[in-house]
């Protein structure tokens, strides 16, 4: 299990379509907008929601110190 260096919240690292690493909140939430499949993340679609795939939120959206880590 990984944790955020700033707020220490549990996170999961995923790879975006462009090959960059992206931190996701570790616990899925119905309000999430990302899906995680085989370590890769992408935006959630209506089909993902219909299939009840776990939805995740980018940790950048929830971390109180996100601006410190964005490039």
N, C-alpha and C. Protein backbone atom coordinates (compact mmCIF):
# COMPACT_ATOMS: atom_id res chain seq x y z
N UNK A 1 0.84 -1.18 0.00
CA UNK A 1 0.00 0.00 0.00
C UNK A 1 0.89 1.24 0.00
N UNK A 2 0.57 2.18 -0.85
CA UNK A 2 1.30 3.44 -0.91
C UNK A 2 0.50 4.51 -0.16
N UNK A 3 1.18 5.58 0.20
CA UNK A 3 0.48 6.69 0.83
C UNK A 3 1.02 8.00 0.27
N UNK A 4 0.18 9.01 0.30
CA UNK A 4 0.55 10.34 -0.18
C UNK A 4 1.66 10.90 0.70
N UNK A 5 2.69 11.46 0.09
CA UNK A 5 3.80 12.03 0.85
C UNK A 5 3.38 13.25 1.65
N UNK A 6 2.29 13.86 1.26
CA UNK A 6 1.86 15.09 1.92
C UNK A 6 0.82 14.83 3.02
N UNK A 7 -0.31 14.26 2.63
CA UNK A 7 -1.41 14.09 3.59
C UNK A 7 -1.46 12.69 4.19
N UNK A 8 -0.63 11.78 3.69
CA UNK A 8 -0.51 10.40 4.17
C UNK A 8 -1.74 9.53 3.91
N UNK A 9 -2.65 10.00 3.07
CA UNK A 9 -3.81 9.19 2.72
C UNK A 9 -3.37 7.99 1.87
N UNK A 10 -4.05 6.85 2.00
CA UNK A 10 -3.71 5.70 1.17
C UNK A 10 -4.05 5.97 -0.30
N UNK A 11 -3.11 5.67 -1.19
CA UNK A 11 -3.31 5.88 -2.61
C UNK A 11 -2.89 4.64 -3.40
N UNK A 12 -3.36 4.58 -4.63
CA UNK A 12 -2.97 3.56 -5.59
C UNK A 12 -2.39 4.28 -6.78
N UNK A 13 -1.24 3.82 -7.26
CA UNK A 13 -0.64 4.43 -8.45
C UNK A 13 -1.15 3.73 -9.68
N UNK A 14 -1.48 4.51 -10.70
CA UNK A 14 -1.95 3.97 -11.97
C UNK A 14 -1.23 4.69 -13.11
N UNK A 15 -1.26 4.08 -14.27
CA UNK A 15 -0.64 4.69 -15.45
C UNK A 15 -1.73 5.24 -16.35
N UNK A 16 -1.55 6.47 -16.82
CA UNK A 16 -2.52 7.08 -17.73
C UNK A 16 -2.25 6.59 -19.15
N UNK A 17 -3.14 6.95 -20.05
CA UNK A 17 -2.98 6.57 -21.47
C UNK A 17 -1.70 7.15 -22.05
N UNK A 18 -1.26 8.28 -21.52
CA UNK A 18 -0.03 8.90 -22.02
C UNK A 18 1.22 8.37 -21.33
N UNK A 19 1.05 7.38 -20.45
CA UNK A 19 2.19 6.75 -19.81
C UNK A 19 2.67 7.43 -18.54
N UNK A 20 1.93 8.42 -18.05
CA UNK A 20 2.32 9.11 -16.82
C UNK A 20 1.72 8.42 -15.61
N UNK A 21 2.37 8.55 -14.47
CA UNK A 21 1.86 8.00 -13.23
C UNK A 21 0.83 8.95 -12.63
N UNK A 22 -0.25 8.38 -12.11
CA UNK A 22 -1.32 9.17 -11.52
C UNK A 22 -1.75 8.54 -10.21
N UNK A 23 -1.79 9.33 -9.13
CA UNK A 23 -2.27 8.78 -7.86
C UNK A 23 -3.79 8.79 -7.80
N UNK A 24 -4.36 7.69 -7.38
CA UNK A 24 -5.81 7.58 -7.19
C UNK A 24 -6.08 7.34 -5.72
N UNK A 25 -7.19 7.88 -5.21
CA UNK A 25 -7.61 7.51 -3.87
C UNK A 25 -7.80 6.00 -3.86
N UNK A 26 -7.31 5.36 -2.82
CA UNK A 26 -7.30 3.89 -2.80
C UNK A 26 -8.70 3.27 -2.78
N UNK A 27 -9.64 3.92 -2.13
CA UNK A 27 -10.98 3.36 -1.99
C UNK A 27 -11.89 3.86 -3.11
N UNK A 28 -12.51 2.95 -3.85
CA UNK A 28 -13.45 3.36 -4.90
C UNK A 28 -14.64 4.10 -4.28
N UNK A 29 -15.27 4.95 -5.08
CA UNK A 29 -16.43 5.71 -4.62
C UNK A 29 -17.43 5.84 -5.78
N UNK A 30 -18.72 5.81 -5.48
CA UNK A 30 -19.70 5.96 -6.55
C UNK A 30 -19.57 7.29 -7.29
N UNK A 31 -18.97 8.29 -6.68
CA UNK A 31 -18.80 9.58 -7.31
C UNK A 31 -17.50 9.69 -8.11
N UNK A 32 -16.72 8.60 -8.16
CA UNK A 32 -15.47 8.62 -8.91
C UNK A 32 -15.69 8.81 -10.39
N UNK A 33 -14.65 9.24 -11.08
CA UNK A 33 -14.77 9.46 -12.53
C UNK A 33 -13.67 8.75 -13.32
N UNK A 34 -12.94 7.85 -12.66
CA UNK A 34 -11.87 7.10 -13.31
C UNK A 34 -12.09 5.61 -13.06
N UNK A 35 -11.68 4.78 -14.02
CA UNK A 35 -11.67 3.33 -13.80
C UNK A 35 -10.21 2.87 -13.84
N UNK A 36 -9.95 1.80 -13.15
CA UNK A 36 -8.61 1.24 -13.06
C UNK A 36 -8.69 -0.20 -13.57
N UNK A 37 -8.01 -0.45 -14.69
CA UNK A 37 -8.02 -1.78 -15.29
C UNK A 37 -6.59 -2.19 -15.56
N UNK A 38 -6.16 -3.27 -14.92
CA UNK A 38 -4.81 -3.81 -15.10
C UNK A 38 -3.73 -2.74 -14.88
N UNK A 39 -3.91 -1.91 -13.85
CA UNK A 39 -2.92 -0.91 -13.52
C UNK A 39 -2.96 0.35 -14.35
N UNK A 40 -3.90 0.41 -15.29
CA UNK A 40 -4.02 1.60 -16.15
C UNK A 40 -5.35 2.28 -15.85
N UNK A 41 -5.34 3.60 -15.91
CA UNK A 41 -6.55 4.35 -15.62
C UNK A 41 -7.02 5.12 -16.85
N UNK A 42 -8.33 5.35 -16.86
CA UNK A 42 -8.93 6.16 -17.92
C UNK A 42 -10.23 6.72 -17.35
N UNK A 43 -10.78 7.68 -18.06
CA UNK A 43 -12.05 8.26 -17.64
C UNK A 43 -13.16 7.23 -17.69
N UNK A 44 -14.04 7.27 -16.71
CA UNK A 44 -15.16 6.33 -16.64
C UNK A 44 -16.21 6.69 -17.70
N UNK A 45 -16.82 5.67 -18.25
CA UNK A 45 -17.88 5.84 -19.24
C UNK A 45 -19.21 5.38 -18.67
N UNK A 46 -20.28 5.65 -19.39
CA UNK A 46 -21.60 5.15 -18.97
C UNK A 46 -21.59 3.63 -18.90
N UNK A 47 -20.87 2.98 -19.81
CA UNK A 47 -20.80 1.52 -19.78
C UNK A 47 -20.12 1.03 -18.51
N UNK A 48 -19.05 1.70 -18.09
CA UNK A 48 -18.37 1.33 -16.84
C UNK A 48 -19.35 1.41 -15.67
N UNK A 49 -20.14 2.45 -15.64
CA UNK A 49 -21.13 2.61 -14.56
C UNK A 49 -22.20 1.52 -14.66
N UNK A 50 -22.65 1.22 -15.88
CA UNK A 50 -23.67 0.18 -16.06
C UNK A 50 -23.15 -1.18 -15.63
N UNK A 51 -21.87 -1.42 -15.86
CA UNK A 51 -21.26 -2.70 -15.48
C UNK A 51 -20.80 -2.72 -14.02
N UNK A 52 -21.05 -1.63 -13.32
CA UNK A 52 -20.70 -1.51 -11.89
C UNK A 52 -19.22 -1.70 -11.63
N UNK A 53 -18.39 -1.19 -12.56
CA UNK A 53 -16.95 -1.22 -12.33
C UNK A 53 -16.63 -0.24 -11.20
N UNK A 54 -15.65 -0.57 -10.37
CA UNK A 54 -15.27 0.37 -9.31
C UNK A 54 -14.79 1.69 -9.92
N UNK A 55 -15.24 2.78 -9.35
CA UNK A 55 -14.88 4.11 -9.82
C UNK A 55 -13.95 4.76 -8.80
N UNK A 56 -12.91 5.38 -9.31
CA UNK A 56 -11.90 5.99 -8.45
C UNK A 56 -11.83 7.49 -8.71
N UNK A 57 -11.26 8.19 -7.76
CA UNK A 57 -11.05 9.63 -7.87
C UNK A 57 -9.56 9.90 -7.87
N UNK A 58 -9.14 10.81 -8.73
CA UNK A 58 -7.75 11.23 -8.73
C UNK A 58 -7.42 11.83 -7.36
N UNK A 59 -6.29 11.46 -6.80
CA UNK A 59 -5.93 12.00 -5.50
C UNK A 59 -5.64 13.50 -5.60
N UNK A 60 -5.32 13.98 -6.80
CA UNK A 60 -5.13 15.42 -6.98
C UNK A 60 -6.40 16.19 -6.63
N UNK A 61 -7.57 15.56 -6.80
CA UNK A 61 -8.84 16.22 -6.52
C UNK A 61 -9.19 16.25 -5.04
N UNK A 62 -8.56 15.38 -4.24
CA UNK A 62 -8.93 15.28 -2.83
C UNK A 62 -7.81 15.66 -1.87
N UNK A 63 -6.58 15.70 -2.33
CA UNK A 63 -5.45 16.01 -1.45
C UNK A 63 -5.43 17.51 -1.12
N UNK A 64 -5.34 17.86 0.15
CA UNK A 64 -5.31 19.28 0.50
C UNK A 64 -4.05 19.99 -0.01
N UNK A 65 -3.02 19.25 -0.34
CA UNK A 65 -1.75 19.83 -0.80
C UNK A 65 -1.44 19.49 -2.26
N UNK A 66 -2.46 19.22 -3.06
CA UNK A 66 -2.25 18.76 -4.44
C UNK A 66 -1.41 19.73 -5.26
N UNK A 67 -1.58 21.01 -5.06
CA UNK A 67 -0.85 21.99 -5.84
C UNK A 67 0.66 21.87 -5.69
N UNK A 68 1.10 21.32 -4.59
CA UNK A 68 2.53 21.13 -4.33
C UNK A 68 3.15 20.11 -5.27
N UNK A 69 2.35 19.14 -5.72
CA UNK A 69 2.89 18.03 -6.50
C UNK A 69 2.60 18.09 -7.98
N UNK A 70 1.70 18.96 -8.40
CA UNK A 70 1.37 19.03 -9.83
C UNK A 70 2.53 19.62 -10.60
N UNK A 71 2.69 19.14 -11.83
CA UNK A 71 3.76 19.62 -12.70
C UNK A 71 3.22 20.53 -13.75
